[in-house]
Amino acid sequence: MDQNRPREQHCPYDESSCPIRNELDRLRKRVQELEALSRIDTLTGLNNVGSFLSILEGEMERARRTGTALSLVMIDLDHFKRINDTYGHEAGNEALKWTSRVWQKLLRRIDILCRYGGEEFTVILPGTRLHQGLVAAERLRQGLEESPVLLEGDRVVLTASFGVEVFAGIEKVTVRGLIKRADRFLLKAKADGRNCVRYDEERITGAATEVTPPERQALVREFREGE
């Protein structure tokens, strides 16, 4: 018998009532809860910027494997400082929560809405070419404008500016590079008067606007394997 081999330890309690095991289970559960909270924006319940960057990197890798497109939408609420100055920061928080609820109802289950910071949001649209990304962005823009938020008895109309960019799986671009490209069109939307959607018009001219059957099959297969 190997004298150096550590003895197997047994809990003197029944396994179901072992205080050490129960404490470890409690701690594991708490760690999982804290990890989840670290990925979530506590105000809106959306993915936060750290989670967004990780998800976008994964979705870009999925797009490379499947050869499908990925659209990214960068969003900034218009003149949001006026909300805080007029109604206070608590009302501003309510407006942010209201905005997230409105948009979540207008997106597909596979779309990922994130709070980028402050009054900025972003949406990852898997398996989505530029044309369809523009349709989705316009739906969000119109949906928000048509859904006033109630602040201290006033019905306040919120609007937002949108920049849309597409990532083709064959491109060599980083996560930060794609964000920078989409952000450029967001800045253009703000410069053009806000409450509008801007994109690379040259890129969409003559481009196919539908996901092909092979692309759709590859995307569905990827999502099923990832479940």
Protein backbone atom coordinates (compact mmCIF):
# COMPACT_ATOMS: atom_id res chain seq x y z
CA MET A 1 0.00 0.00 0.00
CA ASP A 2 1.32 3.44 -0.96
CA GLN A 3 1.95 5.28 2.31
CA ASN A 4 2.24 8.61 0.48
CA ARG A 5 -1.15 8.37 -1.13
CA PRO A 6 -3.58 10.81 0.57
CA ARG A 7 -6.45 9.25 2.39
CA GLU A 8 -9.86 9.65 0.85
CA GLN A 9 -11.86 11.98 3.06
CA HIS A 10 -15.48 11.27 3.86
CA CYS A 11 -17.95 13.72 5.32
CA PRO A 12 -19.27 12.41 8.65
CA TYR A 13 -22.71 13.65 7.68
CA ASP A 14 -25.12 12.24 5.18
CA GLU A 15 -24.29 13.75 1.74
CA SER A 16 -27.64 15.52 1.48
CA SER A 17 -27.03 17.31 4.78
CA CYS A 18 -23.26 17.78 4.66
CA PRO A 19 -22.60 21.41 5.79
CA ILE A 20 -19.33 21.58 3.83
CA ARG A 21 -20.96 20.41 0.58
CA ASN A 22 -23.92 22.72 1.09
CA GLU A 23 -21.62 25.68 1.72
CA LEU A 24 -19.61 24.90 -1.43
CA ASP A 25 -22.81 24.66 -3.47
CA ARG A 26 -23.95 28.01 -2.08
CA LEU A 27 -20.63 29.63 -2.92
CA ARG A 28 -20.64 28.20 -6.46
CA LYS A 29 -24.13 29.53 -7.03
CA ARG A 30 -23.10 32.95 -5.72
CA VAL A 31 -20.08 33.03 -8.02
CA GLN A 32 -22.31 32.22 -10.99
CA GLU A 33 -24.70 35.01 -10.00
CA LEU A 34 -21.84 37.51 -9.71
CA GLU A 35 -20.43 36.45 -13.07
CA ALA A 36 -23.84 37.00 -14.65
CA LEU A 37 -24.16 40.43 -13.00
CA SER A 38 -20.75 41.43 -14.32
CA ARG A 39 -22.09 40.99 -17.85
CA ILE A 40 -25.36 42.87 -17.32
CA ASP A 41 -26.14 46.57 -17.19
CA THR A 42 -27.98 46.87 -13.89
CA LEU A 43 -30.19 49.76 -15.03
CA THR A 44 -31.64 48.31 -18.23
CA GLY A 45 -30.97 44.59 -17.79
CA LEU A 46 -29.20 44.56 -21.17
CA ASN A 47 -25.73 43.24 -21.91
CA ASN A 48 -23.11 45.79 -20.85
CA VAL A 49 -20.18 47.00 -22.93
CA GLY A 50 -17.83 44.25 -21.73
CA SER A 51 -20.35 41.59 -22.62
CA PHE A 52 -21.04 43.31 -25.95
CA LEU A 53 -17.39 43.17 -26.98
CA SER A 54 -17.17 39.48 -26.12
CA ILE A 55 -20.42 38.63 -27.92
CA LEU A 56 -19.45 40.62 -31.01
CA GLU A 57 -16.12 38.82 -31.22
CA GLY A 58 -17.92 35.48 -31.06
CA GLU A 59 -20.50 36.46 -33.66
CA MET A 60 -17.79 37.73 -36.02
CA GLU A 61 -16.02 34.39 -35.69
CA ARG A 62 -19.32 32.61 -36.40
CA ALA A 63 -19.75 34.77 -39.51
CA ARG A 64 -16.26 33.81 -40.69
CA ARG A 65 -17.01 30.10 -40.30
CA THR A 66 -20.40 30.22 -42.00
CA GLY A 67 -19.70 32.87 -44.62
CA THR A 68 -22.77 34.83 -43.53
CA ALA A 69 -23.01 38.57 -43.00
CA LEU A 70 -23.33 40.35 -39.68
CA SER A 71 -24.77 43.83 -39.22
CA LEU A 72 -23.82 46.14 -36.37
CA VAL A 73 -25.92 49.13 -35.31
CA MET A 74 -24.53 51.92 -33.14
CA ILE A 75 -27.18 54.16 -31.53
CA ASP A 76 -27.19 57.41 -29.60
CA LEU A 77 -30.31 58.95 -28.04
CA ASP A 78 -30.79 62.50 -29.33
CA HIS A 79 -30.34 65.48 -27.00
CA PHE A 80 -30.57 63.25 -23.95
CA LYS A 81 -29.00 65.89 -21.73
CA ARG A 82 -32.22 67.88 -22.08
CA ILE A 83 -34.13 65.05 -20.41
CA ASN A 84 -31.80 65.11 -17.40
CA ASP A 85 -31.77 68.91 -17.24
CA THR A 86 -35.56 69.21 -17.48
CA TYR A 87 -36.80 66.25 -15.45
CA GLY A 88 -33.78 65.10 -13.43
CA HIS A 89 -31.49 62.09 -13.62
CA GLU A 90 -34.04 59.63 -12.20
CA ALA A 91 -36.38 60.52 -15.05
CA GLY A 92 -33.44 60.07 -17.40
CA ASN A 93 -32.94 56.56 -16.03
CA GLU A 94 -36.62 55.82 -16.63
CA ALA A 95 -36.24 57.01 -20.20
CA LEU A 96 -33.30 54.66 -20.72
CA LYS A 97 -35.23 51.71 -19.31
CA TRP A 98 -38.25 52.61 -21.45
CA THR A 99 -36.08 52.78 -24.56
CA SER A 100 -34.61 49.34 -23.92
CA ARG A 101 -38.09 47.83 -23.46
CA VAL A 102 -39.40 49.39 -26.66
CA TRP A 103 -36.49 48.12 -28.70
CA GLN A 104 -36.45 44.63 -27.23
CA LYS A 105 -39.99 44.14 -28.51
CA LEU A 106 -38.94 45.12 -32.03
CA LEU A 107 -35.96 42.77 -32.40
CA ARG A 108 -35.67 39.10 -33.26
CA ARG A 109 -34.75 36.55 -30.61
CA ILE A 110 -31.27 36.11 -32.10
CA ASP A 111 -30.51 39.87 -32.11
CA ILE A 112 -28.42 41.21 -29.24
CA LEU A 113 -29.27 44.62 -27.81
CA CYS A 114 -26.62 46.11 -25.50
CA ARG A 115 -26.12 49.29 -23.55
CA TYR A 116 -22.83 50.72 -24.75
CA GLY A 117 -22.66 53.44 -22.11
CA GLY A 118 -24.60 56.53 -21.04
CA GLU A 119 -27.32 57.08 -23.64
CA GLU A 120 -25.57 54.90 -26.23
CA PHE A 121 -26.80 51.49 -27.33
CA THR A 122 -25.72 48.94 -29.88
CA VAL A 123 -27.36 46.01 -31.64
CA ILE A 124 -25.69 42.93 -33.10
CA LEU A 125 -27.73 41.43 -35.94
CA PRO A 126 -26.43 37.92 -36.79
CA GLY A 127 -26.99 36.60 -40.30
CA THR A 128 -28.03 40.03 -41.51
CA ARG A 129 -26.86 41.86 -44.61
CA LEU A 130 -26.72 45.62 -44.82
CA HIS A 131 -30.12 46.05 -46.44
CA GLN A 132 -31.85 44.07 -43.71
CA GLY A 133 -29.79 45.84 -41.06
CA LEU A 134 -31.12 49.16 -42.34
CA VAL A 135 -34.69 47.86 -42.17
CA ALA A 136 -34.13 46.79 -38.55
CA ALA A 137 -32.53 50.12 -37.61
CA GLU A 138 -35.37 52.09 -39.19
CA ARG A 139 -37.88 49.94 -37.31
CA LEU A 140 -36.13 50.82 -34.05
CA ARG A 141 -35.94 54.51 -34.94
CA GLN A 142 -39.61 54.73 -35.85
CA GLY A 143 -40.74 52.54 -32.96
CA LEU A 144 -39.04 54.75 -30.40
CA GLU A 145 -40.34 57.97 -31.93
CA GLU A 146 -43.88 56.61 -31.88
CA SER A 147 -43.66 55.46 -28.24
CA PRO A 148 -43.49 58.54 -25.96
CA VAL A 149 -42.33 57.97 -22.40
CA LEU A 150 -44.30 59.38 -19.47
CA LEU A 151 -42.07 61.62 -17.32
CA GLU A 152 -43.63 63.53 -14.42
CA GLY A 153 -46.98 63.58 -16.21
CA ASP A 154 -45.53 64.68 -19.56
CA ARG A 155 -45.53 62.49 -22.65
CA VAL A 156 -41.99 62.95 -23.93
CA VAL A 157 -41.02 61.88 -27.44
CA LEU A 158 -37.59 60.25 -27.62
CA THR A 159 -35.58 59.98 -30.82
CA ALA A 160 -32.24 58.42 -31.69
CA SER A 161 -29.55 58.47 -34.35
CA PHE A 162 -28.29 55.25 -35.96
CA GLY A 163 -25.13 54.16 -37.73
CA VAL A 164 -25.20 50.79 -39.50
CA GLU A 165 -22.26 48.77 -40.80
CA VAL A 166 -22.01 45.23 -42.14
CA PHE A 167 -19.29 42.64 -41.63
CA ALA A 168 -18.82 40.11 -44.41
CA GLY A 169 -17.26 36.95 -43.04
CA ILE A 170 -14.35 37.09 -45.49
CA GLU A 171 -13.17 40.52 -44.27
CA LYS A 172 -10.07 41.00 -42.17
CA VAL A 173 -11.30 43.45 -39.56
CA THR A 174 -11.10 43.48 -35.78
CA VAL A 175 -13.94 44.01 -33.32
CA ARG A 176 -12.72 47.53 -32.64
CA GLY A 177 -12.35 48.17 -36.35
CA LEU A 178 -15.96 47.19 -37.04
CA ILE A 179 -17.22 49.35 -34.16
CA LYS A 180 -15.21 52.29 -35.50
CA ARG A 181 -16.76 51.88 -38.95
CA ALA A 182 -20.30 51.77 -37.57
CA ASP A 183 -19.57 54.69 -35.26
CA ARG A 184 -18.51 56.77 -38.24
CA PHE A 185 -22.02 56.49 -39.68
CA LEU A 186 -23.55 57.27 -36.29
CA LEU A 187 -21.59 60.52 -36.28
CA LYS A 188 -22.88 61.22 -39.79
CA ALA A 189 -26.48 60.66 -38.64
CA LYS A 190 -25.96 63.18 -35.85
CA ALA A 191 -24.36 65.66 -38.25
CA ASP A 192 -27.29 65.25 -40.66
CA GLY A 193 -29.83 66.43 -38.08
CA ARG A 194 -30.28 63.33 -35.88
CA ASN A 195 -33.29 60.98 -35.72
CA CYS A 196 -32.11 59.19 -38.85
CA VAL A 197 -30.20 56.11 -40.06
CA ARG A 198 -26.92 56.42 -41.93
CA TYR A 199 -24.75 53.82 -43.67
CA ASP A 200 -22.34 53.28 -46.55
CA GLU A 201 -24.55 53.98 -49.55
CA GLU A 202 -21.94 52.79 -52.03
CA ARG A 203 -21.70 49.44 -50.31
CA ILE A 204 -25.37 48.62 -50.65
CA THR A 205 -25.78 49.62 -54.31
CA GLY A 206 -26.34 46.53 -56.42
CA ALA A 207 -25.72 44.17 -53.51
CA ALA A 208 -27.91 41.13 -52.92
CA THR A 209 -30.34 41.80 -50.12
CA GLU A 210 -31.42 38.32 -49.08
CA VAL A 211 -29.67 35.58 -47.18
CA THR A 212 -29.10 32.70 -49.57
CA PRO A 213 -30.36 29.18 -48.70
CA PRO A 214 -26.81 27.85 -48.08
CA GLU A 215 -26.07 30.82 -45.82
CA ARG A 216 -29.30 30.28 -43.91
CA GLN A 217 -28.59 26.56 -43.46
CA ALA A 218 -25.06 27.26 -42.24
CA LEU A 219 -26.28 29.86 -39.77
CA VAL A 220 -29.02 27.62 -38.38
CA ARG A 221 -26.54 24.78 -37.99
CA GLU A 222 -24.12 27.05 -36.10
CA PHE A 223 -26.80 28.24 -33.69
CA ARG A 224 -28.01 24.69 -33.02
CA GLU A 225 -24.49 23.46 -32.32
CA GLY A 226 -23.95 26.38 -29.96
CA GLU A 227 -27.02 25.64 -27.82
